[in-house]
C-alpha atoms as a PDB file:
ATOM      1  CA  UNK A   1       5.116 -27.714  28.613  1.00  0.00           C
ATOM      2  CA  UNK A   2       8.424 -26.910  27.531  1.00  0.00           C
ATOM      3  CA  UNK A   3       9.364 -23.337  27.933  1.00  0.00           C
ATOM      4  CA  UNK A   4      11.496 -21.584  25.348  1.00  0.00           C
ATOM      5  CA  UNK A   5      11.341 -18.592  27.440  1.00  0.00           C
ATOM      6  CA  UNK A   6      12.936 -18.677  30.737  1.00  0.00           C
ATOM      7  CA  UNK A   7      10.568 -16.710  33.370  1.00  0.00           C
ATOM      8  CA  UNK A   8      12.382 -14.197  35.341  1.00  0.00           C
ATOM      9  CA  UNK A   9      11.450 -13.556  38.801  1.00  0.00           C
ATOM     10  CA  UNK A  10      10.940 -10.056  39.482  1.00  0.00           C
ATOM     11  CA  UNK A  11      13.627  -8.412  42.187  1.00  0.00           C
ATOM     12  CA  UNK A  12      12.337  -6.539  44.993  1.00  0.00           C
ATOM     13  CA  UNK A  13      12.816  -2.943  43.532  1.00  0.00           C
ATOM     14  CA  UNK A  14      11.389  -4.024  40.380  1.00  0.00           C
ATOM     15  CA  UNK A  15       8.091  -5.388  41.859  1.00  0.00           C
ATOM     16  CA  UNK A  16       7.948  -2.117  44.163  1.00  0.00           C
ATOM     17  CA  UNK A  17       7.617  -0.070  40.854  1.00  0.00           C
ATOM     18  CA  UNK A  18       5.297  -2.193  38.967  1.00  0.00           C
ATOM     19  CA  UNK A  19       2.965  -3.101  42.229  1.00  0.00           C
ATOM     20  CA  UNK A  20       3.321   0.035  44.186  1.00  0.00           C
ATOM     21  CA  UNK A  21       1.139   3.055  42.379  1.00  0.00           C
ATOM     22  CA  UNK A  22       3.353   5.896  44.213  1.00  0.00           C
ATOM     23  CA  UNK A  23       6.322   4.140  42.608  1.00  0.00           C
ATOM     24  CA  UNK A  24       4.595   3.899  39.103  1.00  0.00           C
ATOM     25  CA  UNK A  25       6.916   4.949  36.309  1.00  0.00           C
ATOM     26  CA  UNK A  26       5.463   6.962  33.216  1.00  0.00           C
ATOM     27  CA  UNK A  27       8.168   8.273  31.165  1.00  0.00           C
ATOM     28  CA  UNK A  28      11.804   7.749  30.645  1.00  0.00           C
ATOM     29  CA  UNK A  29      13.046  10.630  32.704  1.00  0.00           C
ATOM     30  CA  UNK A  30      11.338   9.088  35.766  1.00  0.00           C
ATOM     31  CA  UNK A  31      13.714   7.859  38.370  1.00  0.00           C
ATOM     32  CA  UNK A  32      14.508   3.927  38.016  1.00  0.00           C
ATOM     33  CA  UNK A  33      12.698   4.215  34.833  1.00  0.00           C
ATOM     34  CA  UNK A  34      15.887   2.208  33.427  1.00  0.00           C
ATOM     35  CA  UNK A  35      14.873  -0.676  35.529  1.00  0.00           C
ATOM     36  CA  UNK A  36      11.654  -1.099  33.614  1.00  0.00           C
ATOM     37  CA  UNK A  37      12.004   0.557  30.279  1.00  0.00           C
ATOM     38  CA  UNK A  38      13.940  -1.831  27.651  1.00  0.00           C
ATOM     39  CA  UNK A  39      13.655  -4.877  29.918  1.00  0.00           C
ATOM     40  CA  UNK A  40      11.835  -7.983  29.048  1.00  0.00           C
ATOM     41  CA  UNK A  41       9.277  -8.764  32.042  1.00  0.00           C
ATOM     42  CA  UNK A  42       6.341 -11.154  32.523  1.00  0.00           C
ATOM     43  CA  UNK A  43       3.241  -9.451  32.248  1.00  0.00           C
ATOM     44  CA  UNK A  44      -0.271 -10.589  33.588  1.00  0.00           C
ATOM     45  CA  UNK A  45      -2.222 -10.953  30.524  1.00  0.00           C
ATOM     46  CA  UNK A  46      -5.488  -9.077  32.171  1.00  0.00           C
ATOM     47  CA  UNK A  47      -2.960  -5.857  32.344  1.00  0.00           C
ATOM     48  CA  UNK A  48      -2.807  -5.939  28.457  1.00  0.00           C
ATOM     49  CA  UNK A  49      -4.960  -4.725  26.039  1.00  0.00           C
ATOM     50  CA  UNK A  50      -5.362  -4.706  22.255  1.00  0.00           C
ATOM     51  CA  UNK A  51      -3.484  -1.861  19.963  1.00  0.00           C
ATOM     52  CA  UNK A  52      -6.316   0.163  18.316  1.00  0.00           C
ATOM     53  CA  UNK A  53      -3.398   1.183  15.831  1.00  0.00           C
ATOM     54  CA  UNK A  54      -2.769  -2.454  15.189  1.00  0.00           C
ATOM     55  CA  UNK A  55      -2.416  -2.421  11.059  1.00  0.00           C
ATOM     56  CA  UNK A  56      -3.289  -6.186  10.593  1.00  0.00           C
ATOM     57  CA  UNK A  57      -6.953  -6.664  10.019  1.00  0.00           C
ATOM     58  CA  UNK A  58      -7.134 -10.262   9.349  1.00  0.00           C
ATOM     59  CA  UNK A  59      -6.434 -12.422  12.207  1.00  0.00           C
ATOM     60  CA  UNK A  60      -7.280 -16.190  11.086  1.00  0.00           C
ATOM     61  CA  UNK A  61      -8.439 -18.470  13.422  1.00  0.00           C
ATOM     62  CA  UNK A  62      -6.414 -21.707  11.784  1.00  0.00           C
ATOM     63  CA  UNK A  63      -3.269 -19.563  11.904  1.00  0.00           C
ATOM     64  CA  UNK A  64      -3.867 -18.552  15.773  1.00  0.00           C
ATOM     65  CA  UNK A  65      -4.632 -22.098  16.644  1.00  0.00           C
ATOM     66  CA  UNK A  66      -1.421 -23.163  14.852  1.00  0.00           C
ATOM     67  CA  UNK A  67       0.737 -20.929  16.919  1.00  0.00           C
ATOM     68  CA  UNK A  68      -1.114 -21.714  19.862  1.00  0.00           C
ATOM     69  CA  UNK A  69      -0.062 -25.168  19.595  1.00  0.00           C
ATOM     70  CA  UNK A  70       3.406 -24.210  18.936  1.00  0.00           C
ATOM     71  CA  UNK A  71       3.005 -22.163  21.948  1.00  0.00           C
ATOM     72  CA  UNK A  72       1.947 -25.238  24.101  1.00  0.00           C
ATOM     73  CA  UNK A  73       4.692 -27.424  22.670  1.00  0.00           C
ATOM     74  CA  UNK A  74       7.801 -25.297  22.806  1.00  0.00           C
ATOM     75  CA  UNK A  75       6.864 -22.212  24.865  1.00  0.00           C
ATOM     76  CA  UNK A  76       6.819 -18.566  23.808  1.00  0.00           C
ATOM     77  CA  UNK A  77       9.943 -17.914  21.882  1.00  0.00           C
ATOM     78  CA  UNK A  78       9.916 -14.327  21.411  1.00  0.00           C
ATOM     79  CA  UNK A  79       8.182 -11.783  23.590  1.00  0.00           C
ATOM     80  CA  UNK A  80       5.675  -9.067  22.531  1.00  0.00           C
ATOM     81  CA  UNK A  81       6.405  -5.375  22.773  1.00  0.00           C
ATOM     82  CA  UNK A  82       4.253  -3.197  24.768  1.00  0.00           C
ATOM     83  CA  UNK A  83       3.950   0.255  25.992  1.00  0.00           C
ATOM     84  CA  UNK A  84       3.094   1.112  29.422  1.00  0.00           C
ATOM     85  CA  UNK A  85      -0.338   3.255  29.400  1.00  0.00           C
ATOM     86  CA  UNK A  86      -0.964   3.508  33.318  1.00  0.00           C
ATOM     87  CA  UNK A  87      -0.553   1.737  36.318  1.00  0.00           C
ATOM     88  CA  UNK A  88      -0.952  -2.064  35.563  1.00  0.00           C
ATOM     89  CA  UNK A  89      -1.792  -0.849  32.098  1.00  0.00           C
ATOM     90  CA  UNK A  90       0.014  -1.772  28.974  1.00  0.00           C
ATOM     91  CA  UNK A  91      -1.003  -1.947  25.390  1.00  0.00           C
ATOM     92  CA  UNK A  92       0.517  -4.289  22.475  1.00  0.00           C
ATOM     93  CA  UNK A  93       2.743  -2.133  20.208  1.00  0.00           C
ATOM     94  CA  UNK A  94       3.889  -5.615  18.387  1.00  0.00           C
ATOM     95  CA  UNK A  95       2.802  -9.486  18.871  1.00  0.00           C
ATOM     96  CA  UNK A  96      -0.685  -9.822  19.049  1.00  0.00           C
ATOM     97  CA  UNK A  97      -0.822 -12.967  17.297  1.00  0.00           C
ATOM     98  CA  UNK A  98       1.179 -14.222  20.080  1.00  0.00           C
ATOM     99  CA  UNK A  99      -1.236 -12.548  22.670  1.00  0.00           C
ATOM    100  CA  UNK A 100      -4.111 -14.076  21.121  1.00  0.00           C
ATOM    101  CA  UNK A 101      -2.603 -17.657  21.160  1.00  0.00           C
ATOM    102  CA  UNK A 102      -1.833 -17.364  24.906  1.00  0.00           C
ATOM    103  CA  UNK A 103      -5.281 -15.797  25.461  1.00  0.00           C
ATOM    104  CA  UNK A 104      -6.564 -19.208  23.780  1.00  0.00           C
ATOM    105  CA  UNK A 105      -4.338 -21.274  25.900  1.00  0.00           C
ATOM    106  CA  UNK A 106      -5.779 -19.612  29.210  1.00  0.00           C
ATOM    107  CA  UNK A 107      -1.787 -18.526  30.029  1.00  0.00           C
ATOM    108  CA  UNK A 108      -2.310 -16.052  32.676  1.00  0.00           C
ATOM    109  CA  UNK A 109       0.643 -14.176  31.704  1.00  0.00           C
ATOM    110  CA  UNK A 110       3.457 -13.484  28.748  1.00  0.00           C
ATOM    111  CA  UNK A 111       6.841 -12.331  28.679  1.00  0.00           C
ATOM    112  CA  UNK A 112       7.160  -8.614  27.116  1.00  0.00           C
ATOM    113  CA  UNK A 113       9.405  -5.917  26.315  1.00  0.00           C
ATOM    114  CA  UNK A 114       8.505  -2.588  27.699  1.00  0.00           C
ATOM    115  CA  UNK A 115       8.577   0.654  25.914  1.00  0.00           C
ATOM    116  CA  UNK A 116       7.243   4.174  26.557  1.00  0.00           C
ATOM    117  CA  UNK A 117       5.627   5.774  23.490  1.00  0.00           C
ATOM    118  CA  UNK A 118       2.906   8.305  22.892  1.00  0.00           C
ATOM    119  CA  UNK A 119       0.060   7.282  20.382  1.00  0.00           C
ATOM    120  CA  UNK A 120       2.087   8.411  17.211  1.00  0.00           C
ATOM    121  CA  UNK A 121       5.024   6.733  18.310  1.00  0.00           C
ATOM    122  CA  UNK A 122       2.989   3.698  18.998  1.00  0.00           C
ATOM    123  CA  UNK A 123       1.585   3.412  15.403  1.00  0.00           C
ATOM    124  CA  UNK A 124       5.044   4.159  13.750  1.00  0.00           C
ATOM    125  CA  UNK A 125       6.475   1.475  15.605  1.00  0.00           C
ATOM    126  CA  UNK A 126       3.571  -0.927  15.160  1.00  0.00           C
ATOM    127  CA  UNK A 127       3.346  -0.105  11.211  1.00  0.00           C
ATOM    128  CA  UNK A 128       7.276  -0.476  10.617  1.00  0.00           C
ATOM    129  CA  UNK A 129       7.267  -3.519  12.868  1.00  0.00           C
ATOM    130  CA  UNK A 130       4.706  -5.347  11.125  1.00  0.00           C
ATOM    131  CA  UNK A 131       6.232  -4.437   7.628  1.00  0.00           C
ATOM    132  CA  UNK A 132       9.617  -5.647   8.644  1.00  0.00           C
ATOM    133  CA  UNK A 133       8.183  -8.818   9.548  1.00  0.00           C
ATOM    134  CA  UNK A 134       6.698  -8.930   6.030  1.00  0.00           C
ATOM    135  CA  UNK A 135       3.626 -11.417   7.332  1.00  0.00           C
ATOM    136  CA  UNK A 136       0.865  -8.971   6.051  1.00  0.00           C
ATOM    137  CA  UNK A 137      -1.025  -9.600   2.983  1.00  0.00           C
ATOM    138  CA  UNK A 138       0.064  -6.923  -0.109  1.00  0.00           C
ATOM    139  CA  UNK A 139      -2.906  -4.384   0.411  1.00  0.00           C
ATOM    140  CA  UNK A 140      -2.467  -4.338   4.425  1.00  0.00           C
ATOM    141  CA  UNK A 141       1.337  -3.370   3.783  1.00  0.00           C
ATOM    142  CA  UNK A 142       0.127  -0.618   1.009  1.00  0.00           C
ATOM    143  CA  UNK A 143      -2.333   0.658   3.768  1.00  0.00           C
ATOM    144  CA  UNK A 144       0.601   0.846   6.381  1.00  0.00           C
ATOM    145  CA  UNK A 145       3.102   2.644   4.270  1.00  0.00           C
ATOM    146  CA  UNK A 146      -0.350   5.269   3.313  1.00  0.00           C
ATOM    147  CA  UNK A 147      -0.697   5.704   7.382  1.00  0.00           C
ATOM    148  CA  UNK A 148       2.706   6.491   7.761  1.00  0.00           C
ATOM    149  CA  UNK A 149       2.457   9.033   4.878  1.00  0.00           C
ATOM    150  CA  UNK A 150      -1.059  10.281   6.037  1.00  0.00           C
ATOM    151  CA  UNK A 151      -0.503  10.102   9.887  1.00  0.00           C
ATOM    152  CA  UNK A 152       3.048  10.203  10.426  1.00  0.00           C
ATOM    153  CA  UNK A 153       3.864  12.543   7.687  1.00  0.00           C
ATOM    154  CA  UNK A 154       6.928  10.316   6.470  1.00  0.00           C
ATOM    155  CA  UNK A 155       8.239  10.972   2.668  1.00  0.00           C
ATOM    156  CA  UNK A 156       8.778   7.638   0.961  1.00  0.00           C
ATOM    157  CA  UNK A 157      12.400   8.336   1.018  1.00  0.00           C
ATOM    158  CA  UNK A 158      12.104   8.557   5.108  1.00  0.00           C
ATOM    159  CA  UNK A 159      10.000   5.484   4.682  1.00  0.00           C
ATOM    160  CA  UNK A 160      12.782   3.778   2.580  1.00  0.00           C
ATOM    161  CA  UNK A 161      15.328   4.590   5.321  1.00  0.00           C
ATOM    162  CA  UNK A 162      12.867   3.326   8.736  1.00  0.00           C
ATOM    163  CA  UNK A 163      11.575   0.099   7.077  1.00  0.00           C
ATOM    164  CA  UNK A 164      14.868  -1.042   4.968  1.00  0.00           C
ATOM    165  CA  UNK A 165      13.330  -1.028   1.604  1.00  0.00           C
ATOM    166  CA  UNK A 166      13.445   0.309  -1.597  1.00  0.00           C
ATOM    167  CA  UNK A 167      11.879   3.477  -2.397  1.00  0.00           C
ATOM    168  CA  UNK A 168      10.439   1.502  -6.114  1.00  0.00           C
ATOM    169  CA  UNK A 169       9.280  -1.006  -3.767  1.00  0.00           C
ATOM    170  CA  UNK A 170       6.969   1.318  -1.518  1.00  0.00           C
ATOM    171  CA  UNK A 171       5.930   3.109  -4.534  1.00  0.00           C
ATOM    172  CA  UNK A 172       4.876  -0.469  -5.828  1.00  0.00           C
ATOM    173  CA  UNK A 173       2.675  -1.245  -2.969  1.00  0.00           C
ATOM    174  CA  UNK A 174       1.199   2.198  -2.802  1.00  0.00           C
ATOM    175  CA  UNK A 175      -0.136   1.662  -6.365  1.00  0.00           C
ATOM    176  CA  UNK A 176      -2.331  -1.351  -5.520  1.00  0.00           C
ATOM    177  CA  UNK A 177      -4.440   1.218  -3.342  1.00  0.00           C
ATOM    178  CA  UNK A 178      -5.666   2.588  -6.844  1.00  0.00           C
ATOM    179  CA  UNK A 179      -7.384  -0.689  -7.795  1.00  0.00           C
ATOM    180  CA  UNK A 180     -10.799  -1.398  -7.335  1.00  0.00           C
ATOM    181  CA  UNK A 181     -11.703  -2.357  -4.065  1.00  0.00           C
ATOM    182  CA  UNK A 182     -13.106  -5.815  -5.335  1.00  0.00           C
ATOM    183  CA  UNK A 183      -9.656  -6.236  -6.992  1.00  0.00           C
ATOM    184  CA  UNK A 184      -7.758  -5.502  -3.764  1.00  0.00           C
ATOM    185  CA  UNK A 185      -9.871  -8.139  -1.551  1.00  0.00           C
ATOM    186  CA  UNK A 186      -9.086 -10.526  -4.120  1.00  0.00           C
ATOM    187  CA  UNK A 187      -5.386  -9.872  -3.321  1.00  0.00           C
ATOM    188  CA  UNK A 188      -5.778 -10.166   0.465  1.00  0.00           C
ATOM    189  CA  UNK A 189      -7.857 -13.532  -0.031  1.00  0.00           C
ATOM    190  CA  UNK A 190      -4.926 -15.039  -2.588  1.00  0.00           C
ATOM    191  CA  UNK A 191      -7.347 -15.111  -5.860  1.00  0.00           C
ATOM    192  CA  UNK A 192      -4.698 -13.013  -7.870  1.00  0.00           C
ATOM    193  CA  UNK A 193      -0.998 -12.072  -6.724  1.00  0.00           C
ATOM    194  CA  UNK A 194       0.490  -8.627  -6.262  1.00  0.00           C
ATOM    195  CA  UNK A 195       2.024  -9.132  -9.697  1.00  0.00           C
ATOM    196  CA  UNK A 196      -1.296  -9.611 -11.447  1.00  0.00           C
ATOM    197  CA  UNK A 197      -2.270  -6.232  -9.296  1.00  0.00           C
ATOM    198  CA  UNK A 198       0.707  -4.184 -10.570  1.00  0.00           C
ATOM    199  CA  UNK A 199      -0.133  -5.125 -14.278  1.00  0.00           C
ATOM    200  CA  UNK A 200      -3.828  -3.936 -13.209  1.00  0.00           C
ATOM    201  CA  UNK A 201      -2.796  -0.838 -12.105  1.00  0.00           C
ATOM    202  CA  UNK A 202      -1.819   0.326 -15.350  1.00  0.00           C
ATOM    203  CA  UNK A 203      -5.065  -0.128 -16.313  1.00  0.00           C
ATOM    204  CA  UNK A 204      -6.756   3.327 -15.265  1.00  0.00           C
ATOM    205  CA  UNK A 205     -10.557   2.713 -15.944  1.00  0.00           C
ATOM    206  CA  UNK A 206     -11.844   0.762 -12.854  1.00  0.00           C
ATOM    207  CA  UNK A 207     -14.447  -0.836 -14.980  1.00  0.00           C
ATOM    208  CA  UNK A 208     -11.717  -2.196 -17.395  1.00  0.00           C
ATOM    209  CA  UNK A 209      -9.753  -3.300 -14.544  1.00  0.00           C
ATOM    210  CA  UNK A 210     -12.524  -5.522 -13.204  1.00  0.00           C
ATOM    211  CA  UNK A 211     -13.226  -6.614 -16.786  1.00  0.00           C
ATOM    212  CA  UNK A 212      -9.286  -8.219 -16.296  1.00  0.00           C
ATOM    213  CA  UNK A 213      -9.744  -9.314 -13.032  1.00  0.00           C
ATOM    214  CA  UNK A 214     -12.913 -11.865 -14.199  1.00  0.00           C
ATOM    215  CA  UNK A 215     -10.643 -12.910 -17.162  1.00  0.00           C
ATOM    216  CA  UNK A 216      -7.799 -13.633 -14.901  1.00  0.00           C
ATOM    217  CA  UNK A 217     -10.055 -15.930 -12.530  1.00  0.00           C
ATOM    218  CA  UNK A 218     -12.022 -17.254 -15.324  1.00  0.00           C
ATOM    219  CA  UNK A 219      -9.018 -18.139 -17.450  1.00  0.00           C
ATOM    220  CA  UNK A 220      -6.695 -18.644 -14.798  1.00  0.00           C
ATOM    221  CA  UNK A 221      -4.212 -16.628 -16.475  1.00  0.00           C
ATOM    222  CA  UNK A 222      -0.414 -15.966 -14.762  1.00  0.00           C
ATOM    223  CA  UNK A 223       0.807 -12.382 -14.462  1.00  0.00           C
ATOM    224  CA  UNK A 224       3.182 -12.389 -17.881  1.00  0.00           C
ATOM    225  CA  UNK A 225      -0.272 -13.528 -19.734  1.00  0.00           C
ATOM    226  CA  UNK A 226      -2.293 -10.799 -17.950  1.00  0.00           C
ATOM    227  CA  UNK A 227       0.480  -8.545 -18.971  1.00  0.00           C
ATOM    228  CA  UNK A 228       0.282  -9.769 -22.883  1.00  0.00           C
ATOM    229  CA  UNK A 229      -3.674  -9.247 -23.034  1.00  0.00           C
ATOM    230  CA  UNK A 230      -3.433  -5.824 -21.411  1.00  0.00           C
ATOM    231  CA  UNK A 231      -0.613  -4.694 -23.822  1.00  0.00           C
ATOM    232  CA  UNK A 232      -2.415  -6.127 -26.886  1.00  0.00           C
ATOM    233  CA  UNK A 233      -5.428  -4.599 -26.143  1.00  0.00           C
ATOM    234  CA  UNK A 234      -3.862  -0.930 -25.737  1.00  0.00           C
ATOM    235  CA  UNK A 235      -1.590  -1.414 -28.686  1.00  0.00           C
ATOM    236  CA  UNK A 236      -5.176  -2.229 -30.639  1.00  0.00           C
ATOM    237  CA  UNK A 237      -6.827   0.697 -29.289  1.00  0.00           C
ATOM    238  CA  UNK A 238      -3.654   2.948 -30.252  1.00  0.00           C
ATOM    239  CA  UNK A 239      -3.732   1.610 -33.852  1.00  0.00           C
ATOM    240  CA  UNK A 240      -7.670   2.492 -34.261  1.00  0.00           C
ATOM    241  CA  UNK A 241      -7.120   6.197 -32.723  1.00  0.00           C
ATOM    242  CA  UNK A 242      -4.285   6.434 -35.051  1.00  0.00           C
ATOM    243  CA  UNK A 243      -6.343   5.381 -37.944  1.00  0.00           C
ATOM    244  CA  UNK A 244      -9.194   7.632 -37.010  1.00  0.00           C
ATOM    245  CA  UNK A 245      -6.593  10.813 -36.375  1.00  0.00           C
ATOM    246  CA  UNK A 246      -5.430  10.248 -39.897  1.00  0.00           C
ATOM    247  CA  UNK A 247      -8.645   9.566 -41.808  1.00  0.00           C
ATOM    248  CA  UNK A 248     -10.073  12.725 -40.084  1.00  0.00           C
ATOM    249  CA  UNK A 249      -7.261  14.978 -41.665  1.00  0.00           C
ATOM    250  CA  UNK A 250      -7.800  13.390 -45.185  1.00  0.00           C
ATOM    251  CA  UNK A 251     -11.032  14.228 -45.057  1.00  0.00           C
ATOM    252  CA  UNK A 252     -10.733  17.478 -44.115  1.00  0.00           C
ATOM    253  CA  UNK A 253      -7.589  18.178 -46.614  1.00  0.00           C
ATOM    254  CA  UNK A 254     -10.136  16.739 -49.292  1.00  0.00           C
ATOM    255  CA  UNK A 255     -13.032  19.226 -48.210  1.00  0.00           C
ATOM    256  CA  UNK A 256     -10.754  22.151 -48.158  1.00  0.00           C
ATOM    257  CA  UNK A 257      -9.254  21.724 -51.428  1.00  0.00           C
ATOM    258  CA  UNK A 258     -12.512  20.982 -53.349  1.00  0.00           C
ATOM    259  CA  UNK A 259     -13.562  24.289 -51.641  1.00  0.00           C
ATOM    260  CA  UNK A 260     -10.656  26.471 -52.906  1.00  0.00           C
ATOM    261  CA  UNK A 261      -9.713  24.465 -55.718  1.00  0.00           C
ATOM    262  CA  UNK A 262      -5.893  24.950 -54.683  1.00  0.00           C
ATOM    263  CA  UNK A 263      -2.973  22.641 -53.358  1.00  0.00           C
ATOM    264  CA  UNK A 264      -3.439  22.285 -49.216  1.00  0.00           C
ATOM    265  CA  UNK A 265      -1.042  19.979 -47.101  1.00  0.00           C
ATOM    266  CA  UNK A 266      -1.429  19.627 -43.410  1.00  0.00           C
ATOM    267  CA  UNK A 267       1.849  19.263 -41.271  1.00  0.00           C
ATOM    268  CA  UNK A 268       1.516  17.419 -37.880  1.00  0.00           C
ATOM    269  CA  UNK A 269       4.037  17.957 -35.187  1.00  0.00           C
ATOM    270  CA  UNK A 270       1.979  15.894 -32.746  1.00  0.00           C
ATOM    271  CA  UNK A 271      -1.370  14.044 -32.831  1.00  0.00           C
ATOM    272  CA  UNK A 272      -2.825  17.296 -31.983  1.00  0.00           C
ATOM    273  CA  UNK A 273      -0.777  20.013 -33.261  1.00  0.00           C
ATOM    274  CA  UNK A 274      -0.066  21.133 -36.724  1.00  0.00           C
ATOM    275  CA  UNK A 275      -0.088  23.918 -39.444  1.00  0.00           C
ATOM    276  CA  UNK A 276      -2.599  24.186 -42.666  1.00  0.00           C
ATOM    277  CA  UNK A 277      -0.503  24.996 -45.544  1.00  0.00           C
ATOM    278  CA  UNK A 278      -2.294  26.576 -48.921  1.00  0.00           C
ATOM    279  CA  UNK A 279       0.024  27.113 -51.502  1.00  0.00           C
ATOM    280  CA  UNK A 280      -0.727  29.775 -54.348  1.00  0.00           C
ATOM    281  CA  UNK A 281       1.148  30.747 -57.665  1.00  0.00           C
ATOM    282  CA  UNK A 282       0.588  34.649 -58.106  1.00  0.00           C
ATOM    283  CA  UNK A 283      -1.152  37.537 -56.227  1.00  0.00           C
ATOM    284  CA  UNK A 284      -4.403  36.584 -58.352  1.00  0.00           C
ATOM    285  CA  UNK A 285      -4.716  33.274 -56.426  1.00  0.00           C
ATOM    286  CA  UNK A 286      -3.845  34.551 -53.096  1.00  0.00           C
ATOM    287  CA  UNK A 287      -6.561  37.102 -53.432  1.00  0.00           C
ATOM    288  CA  UNK A 288      -9.109  34.367 -54.410  1.00  0.00           C
ATOM    289  CA  UNK A 289      -7.761  32.468 -51.407  1.00  0.00           C
ATOM    290  CA  UNK A 290      -8.682  35.259 -49.048  1.00  0.00           C
ATOM    291  CA  UNK A 291     -11.887  36.115 -50.257  1.00  0.00           C
ATOM    292  CA  UNK A 292     -12.838  32.803 -49.911  1.00  0.00           C
ATOM    293  CA  UNK A 293     -11.918  32.281 -46.396  1.00  0.00           C
ATOM    294  CA  UNK A 294     -13.147  35.677 -45.060  1.00  0.00           C
ATOM    295  CA  UNK A 295     -16.545  35.261 -47.383  1.00  0.00           C
ATOM    296  CA  UNK A 296     -15.826  38.125 -49.845  1.00  0.00           C
ATOM    297  CA  UNK A 297     -16.770  38.468 -53.480  1.00  0.00           C
END
């Protein structure tokens, strides 16, 4: 088997650090920590555990098998990143796919870049590393951003700096989480694109979102066609509301005019705000208006 990564032998000092519990390193401040932390070391597979904070939730068996075949032919090109959790105990921060592929091949060790990190730091590193690699589906990326907000307390501006993405890009991903869960699953499974999702987010009602989603699937609509469909339907609804609004005021003006037998006008500032104007020519007409409005004789 060809090896892209040259296995490095452990020196006597480093071997003592890894094999002797009395000399074990648990923090960056420990003596000789610089010999371990930040270095790439061949670690036994049985000392490494899966990261419960792993943002990726979908590990396709076919993809793992393909990666395993590549490793079998070319070797491990890129080490995984782990954090030290105890004596002869490590947890994956990044590289779980590589770890799974190596485990599948029953290789007993894997090159690893060792870090010291607490749970929060491990989560942040795992989330940021996955986002930067851009190998997650759009919903997984959105969930990563949301976890950075909820659990690490990062703002969108801070995330923009950490992951090297524009703030608007981050916002677009986060907005996908407003979609109905069925549509989110459709994006994850590749039935529709992120572009479709961004268009559907503009529809507030979940029932309407699902209606458009089914239309996209049944008619194989492109993103552009979906935008036109939603836009045309919104325009139709606005026109209907406008007509209803105008008819409403026209009917009321007619009723008031008939009752007062005087000129009445409605002046609108917005669709819901305005003034009612009743004109009169003399004091007698004014008194007549007041009597009718107040129920006087």
